[in-house]
């Protein structure tokens, strides 16, 4: 049996050459500022994400057990509503603290997709707009 070149390419890994020397390191280049805002979205009455999921799961298990009769599950319902209120109050406290002690430059909207940072050159094509049809180069 002859060993053909296409079969050899699939089986053998050839080390690839890189342009980086062993002493060179990649540098992080931020495209958007790594900043947060001065507020927390706390105007929601429902919990977001993973908050209060255990309480909600316990409430649904109780409702399923008692065939959706809410009288035996009043304690689970109260625990879930208390958790929702606690999360809501925590978000409001954090928002008030951020209003009281604002961070510089964080209240502005710096997250626009086409904003060049002061450290970035005008010549760099960071937004990949060169060579697009209909755009001036």
C-alpha atoms as a PDB file:
ATOM      1  CA  UNK A   1       0.000   0.000   0.000  1.00  0.00           C
ATOM      2  CA  UNK A   2       1.361   3.378  -0.944  1.00  0.00           C
ATOM      3  CA  UNK A   3       1.214   6.273   1.467  1.00  0.00           C
ATOM      4  CA  UNK A   4      -0.187   9.262  -0.420  1.00  0.00           C
ATOM      5  CA  UNK A   5       0.359  12.926   0.330  1.00  0.00           C
ATOM      6  CA  UNK A   6      -3.299  13.821   1.150  1.00  0.00           C
ATOM      7  CA  UNK A   7      -3.404  11.107   3.792  1.00  0.00           C
ATOM      8  CA  UNK A   8      -0.141  12.329   5.267  1.00  0.00           C
ATOM      9  CA  UNK A   9      -1.448  15.886   5.576  1.00  0.00           C
ATOM     10  CA  UNK A  10      -4.391  14.748   7.665  1.00  0.00           C
ATOM     11  CA  UNK A  11      -2.317  12.608  10.031  1.00  0.00           C
ATOM     12  CA  UNK A  12       0.888  14.583  10.530  1.00  0.00           C
ATOM     13  CA  UNK A  13       1.031  17.934  12.256  1.00  0.00           C
ATOM     14  CA  UNK A  14       3.724  20.271  11.056  1.00  0.00           C
ATOM     15  CA  UNK A  15       4.768  22.979  13.502  1.00  0.00           C
ATOM     16  CA  UNK A  16       3.702  26.383  12.252  1.00  0.00           C
ATOM     17  CA  UNK A  17       6.002  29.362  12.281  1.00  0.00           C
ATOM     18  CA  UNK A  18       4.946  32.579  13.956  1.00  0.00           C
ATOM     19  CA  UNK A  19       6.246  36.080  13.499  1.00  0.00           C
ATOM     20  CA  UNK A  20       6.775  36.465  17.244  1.00  0.00           C
ATOM     21  CA  UNK A  21      10.082  35.671  18.827  1.00  0.00           C
ATOM     22  CA  UNK A  22      10.106  33.759  22.108  1.00  0.00           C
ATOM     23  CA  UNK A  23      10.804  36.915  24.087  1.00  0.00           C
ATOM     24  CA  UNK A  24       8.013  38.936  22.446  1.00  0.00           C
ATOM     25  CA  UNK A  25       4.709  39.141  24.248  1.00  0.00           C
ATOM     26  CA  UNK A  26       1.299  40.047  22.932  1.00  0.00           C
ATOM     27  CA  UNK A  27       0.029  43.344  24.263  1.00  0.00           C
ATOM     28  CA  UNK A  28      -3.588  43.942  25.180  1.00  0.00           C
ATOM     29  CA  UNK A  29      -5.236  46.615  23.079  1.00  0.00           C
ATOM     30  CA  UNK A  30      -8.642  47.821  24.272  1.00  0.00           C
ATOM     31  CA  UNK A  31     -11.199  48.759  21.651  1.00  0.00           C
ATOM     32  CA  UNK A  32     -13.832  49.899  24.148  1.00  0.00           C
ATOM     33  CA  UNK A  33     -13.019  51.455  27.519  1.00  0.00           C
ATOM     34  CA  UNK A  34     -13.199  48.951  30.357  1.00  0.00           C
ATOM     35  CA  UNK A  35     -15.404  51.123  32.551  1.00  0.00           C
ATOM     36  CA  UNK A  36     -18.734  50.761  34.284  1.00  0.00           C
ATOM     37  CA  UNK A  37     -21.545  53.253  34.708  1.00  0.00           C
ATOM     38  CA  UNK A  38     -22.671  55.353  37.655  1.00  0.00           C
ATOM     39  CA  UNK A  39     -25.915  53.454  38.141  1.00  0.00           C
ATOM     40  CA  UNK A  40     -27.320  49.968  38.465  1.00  0.00           C
ATOM     41  CA  UNK A  41     -30.515  49.003  36.716  1.00  0.00           C
ATOM     42  CA  UNK A  42     -32.623  48.561  39.842  1.00  0.00           C
ATOM     43  CA  UNK A  43     -36.050  49.635  38.649  1.00  0.00           C
ATOM     44  CA  UNK A  44     -37.143  46.081  38.035  1.00  0.00           C
ATOM     45  CA  UNK A  45     -39.628  44.349  40.310  1.00  0.00           C
ATOM     46  CA  UNK A  46     -38.570  40.933  39.072  1.00  0.00           C
ATOM     47  CA  UNK A  47     -35.171  39.460  39.921  1.00  0.00           C
ATOM     48  CA  UNK A  48     -32.729  39.211  37.054  1.00  0.00           C
ATOM     49  CA  UNK A  49     -30.310  36.441  36.305  1.00  0.00           C
ATOM     50  CA  UNK A  50     -29.610  33.877  38.982  1.00  0.00           C
ATOM     51  CA  UNK A  51     -31.069  35.801  41.922  1.00  0.00           C
ATOM     52  CA  UNK A  52     -33.911  34.123  43.814  1.00  0.00           C
ATOM     53  CA  UNK A  53     -33.975  31.086  41.520  1.00  0.00           C
ATOM     54  CA  UNK A  54     -33.828  28.614  44.409  1.00  0.00           C
ATOM     55  CA  UNK A  55     -36.809  30.252  46.078  1.00  0.00           C
ATOM     56  CA  UNK A  56     -38.746  30.291  42.819  1.00  0.00           C
ATOM     57  CA  UNK A  57     -37.907  26.650  42.163  1.00  0.00           C
ATOM     58  CA  UNK A  58     -39.105  25.693  45.662  1.00  0.00           C
ATOM     59  CA  UNK A  59     -42.338  27.625  45.080  1.00  0.00           C
ATOM     60  CA  UNK A  60     -42.986  25.848  41.773  1.00  0.00           C
ATOM     61  CA  UNK A  61     -42.246  22.450  43.317  1.00  0.00           C
ATOM     62  CA  UNK A  62     -44.747  23.167  46.070  1.00  0.00           C
ATOM     63  CA  UNK A  63     -47.354  24.318  43.561  1.00  0.00           C
ATOM     64  CA  UNK A  64     -46.802  21.184  41.498  1.00  0.00           C
ATOM     65  CA  UNK A  65     -47.072  18.992  44.595  1.00  0.00           C
ATOM     66  CA  UNK A  66     -50.352  20.581  45.697  1.00  0.00           C
ATOM     67  CA  UNK A  67     -51.718  20.781  42.118  1.00  0.00           C
ATOM     68  CA  UNK A  68     -51.386  24.575  41.896  1.00  0.00           C
ATOM     69  CA  UNK A  69     -53.287  25.320  45.083  1.00  0.00           C
ATOM     70  CA  UNK A  70     -51.629  28.380  46.571  1.00  0.00           C
ATOM     71  CA  UNK A  71     -52.867  28.034  50.172  1.00  0.00           C
ATOM     72  CA  UNK A  72     -50.361  25.336  51.254  1.00  0.00           C
ATOM     73  CA  UNK A  73     -47.552  27.209  49.440  1.00  0.00           C
ATOM     74  CA  UNK A  74     -48.058  30.593  51.107  1.00  0.00           C
ATOM     75  CA  UNK A  75     -44.755  30.317  52.994  1.00  0.00           C
ATOM     76  CA  UNK A  76     -42.789  29.618  49.795  1.00  0.00           C
ATOM     77  CA  UNK A  77     -44.533  32.518  48.079  1.00  0.00           C
ATOM     78  CA  UNK A  78     -43.678  34.863  50.970  1.00  0.00           C
ATOM     79  CA  UNK A  79     -40.026  33.737  50.914  1.00  0.00           C
ATOM     80  CA  UNK A  80     -39.819  34.380  47.158  1.00  0.00           C
ATOM     81  CA  UNK A  81     -41.411  37.845  47.416  1.00  0.00           C
ATOM     82  CA  UNK A  82     -39.048  38.724  50.291  1.00  0.00           C
ATOM     83  CA  UNK A  83     -36.074  37.688  48.149  1.00  0.00           C
ATOM     84  CA  UNK A  84     -37.307  39.864  45.265  1.00  0.00           C
ATOM     85  CA  UNK A  85     -37.711  42.841  47.616  1.00  0.00           C
ATOM     86  CA  UNK A  86     -34.256  42.261  49.108  1.00  0.00           C
ATOM     87  CA  UNK A  87     -32.617  42.227  45.657  1.00  0.00           C
ATOM     88  CA  UNK A  88     -34.542  45.338  44.637  1.00  0.00           C
ATOM     89  CA  UNK A  89     -33.466  47.204  47.800  1.00  0.00           C
ATOM     90  CA  UNK A  90     -29.834  46.135  47.308  1.00  0.00           C
ATOM     91  CA  UNK A  91     -29.854  47.508  43.747  1.00  0.00           C
ATOM     92  CA  UNK A  92     -31.383  50.775  44.951  1.00  0.00           C
ATOM     93  CA  UNK A  93     -28.754  51.123  47.691  1.00  0.00           C
ATOM     94  CA  UNK A  94     -25.962  50.575  45.194  1.00  0.00           C
ATOM     95  CA  UNK A  95     -27.481  53.136  42.834  1.00  0.00           C
ATOM     96  CA  UNK A  96     -27.754  55.678  45.657  1.00  0.00           C
ATOM     97  CA  UNK A  97     -24.134  55.054  46.659  1.00  0.00           C
ATOM     98  CA  UNK A  98     -22.992  55.590  43.074  1.00  0.00           C
ATOM     99  CA  UNK A  99     -25.022  58.813  42.900  1.00  0.00           C
ATOM    100  CA  UNK A 100     -23.505  60.023  46.167  1.00  0.00           C
ATOM    101  CA  UNK A 101     -19.928  59.163  45.171  1.00  0.00           C
ATOM    102  CA  UNK A 102     -19.771  59.412  41.362  1.00  0.00           C
ATOM    103  CA  UNK A 103     -16.773  58.047  39.548  1.00  0.00           C
ATOM    104  CA  UNK A 104     -15.093  60.388  37.042  1.00  0.00           C
ATOM    105  CA  UNK A 105     -15.904  59.837  33.384  1.00  0.00           C
ATOM    106  CA  UNK A 106     -18.244  56.940  34.142  1.00  0.00           C
ATOM    107  CA  UNK A 107     -21.563  58.724  33.784  1.00  0.00           C
ATOM    108  CA  UNK A 108     -20.894  59.542  30.162  1.00  0.00           C
ATOM    109  CA  UNK A 109     -21.723  57.122  27.407  1.00  0.00           C
ATOM    110  CA  UNK A 110     -18.263  55.950  26.281  1.00  0.00           C
ATOM    111  CA  UNK A 111     -19.421  52.715  24.744  1.00  0.00           C
ATOM    112  CA  UNK A 112     -20.304  53.870  21.251  1.00  0.00           C
ATOM    113  CA  UNK A 113     -19.066  51.379  18.721  1.00  0.00           C
ATOM    114  CA  UNK A 114     -17.172  53.862  16.558  1.00  0.00           C
ATOM    115  CA  UNK A 115     -15.276  55.880  19.147  1.00  0.00           C
ATOM    116  CA  UNK A 116     -11.509  56.065  18.862  1.00  0.00           C
ATOM    117  CA  UNK A 117      -9.540  56.132  22.108  1.00  0.00           C
ATOM    118  CA  UNK A 118      -6.795  58.743  22.592  1.00  0.00           C
ATOM    119  CA  UNK A 119      -4.165  56.011  22.569  1.00  0.00           C
ATOM    120  CA  UNK A 120      -5.290  54.707  19.169  1.00  0.00           C
ATOM    121  CA  UNK A 121      -3.859  56.080  15.970  1.00  0.00           C
ATOM    122  CA  UNK A 122      -5.980  57.601  13.238  1.00  0.00           C
ATOM    123  CA  UNK A 123      -4.095  55.508  10.703  1.00  0.00           C
ATOM    124  CA  UNK A 124      -5.095  52.190  12.284  1.00  0.00           C
ATOM    125  CA  UNK A 125      -8.162  50.568  10.808  1.00  0.00           C
ATOM    126  CA  UNK A 126      -9.615  49.573  14.169  1.00  0.00           C
ATOM    127  CA  UNK A 127     -13.234  49.633  13.017  1.00  0.00           C
ATOM    128  CA  UNK A 128     -12.539  47.815   9.729  1.00  0.00           C
ATOM    129  CA  UNK A 129     -13.982  50.607   7.609  1.00  0.00           C
ATOM    130  CA  UNK A 130     -11.273  50.738   4.972  1.00  0.00           C
ATOM    131  CA  UNK A 131     -11.989  48.930   1.727  1.00  0.00           C
ATOM    132  CA  UNK A 132     -15.746  48.811   2.395  1.00  0.00           C
ATOM    133  CA  UNK A 133     -17.985  49.371  -0.582  1.00  0.00           C
ATOM    134  CA  UNK A 134     -19.576  52.798  -0.542  1.00  0.00           C
ATOM    135  CA  UNK A 135     -17.168  54.293   1.981  1.00  0.00           C
ATOM    136  CA  UNK A 136     -14.402  56.754   1.254  1.00  0.00           C
ATOM    137  CA  UNK A 137     -10.965  55.408   2.090  1.00  0.00           C
END
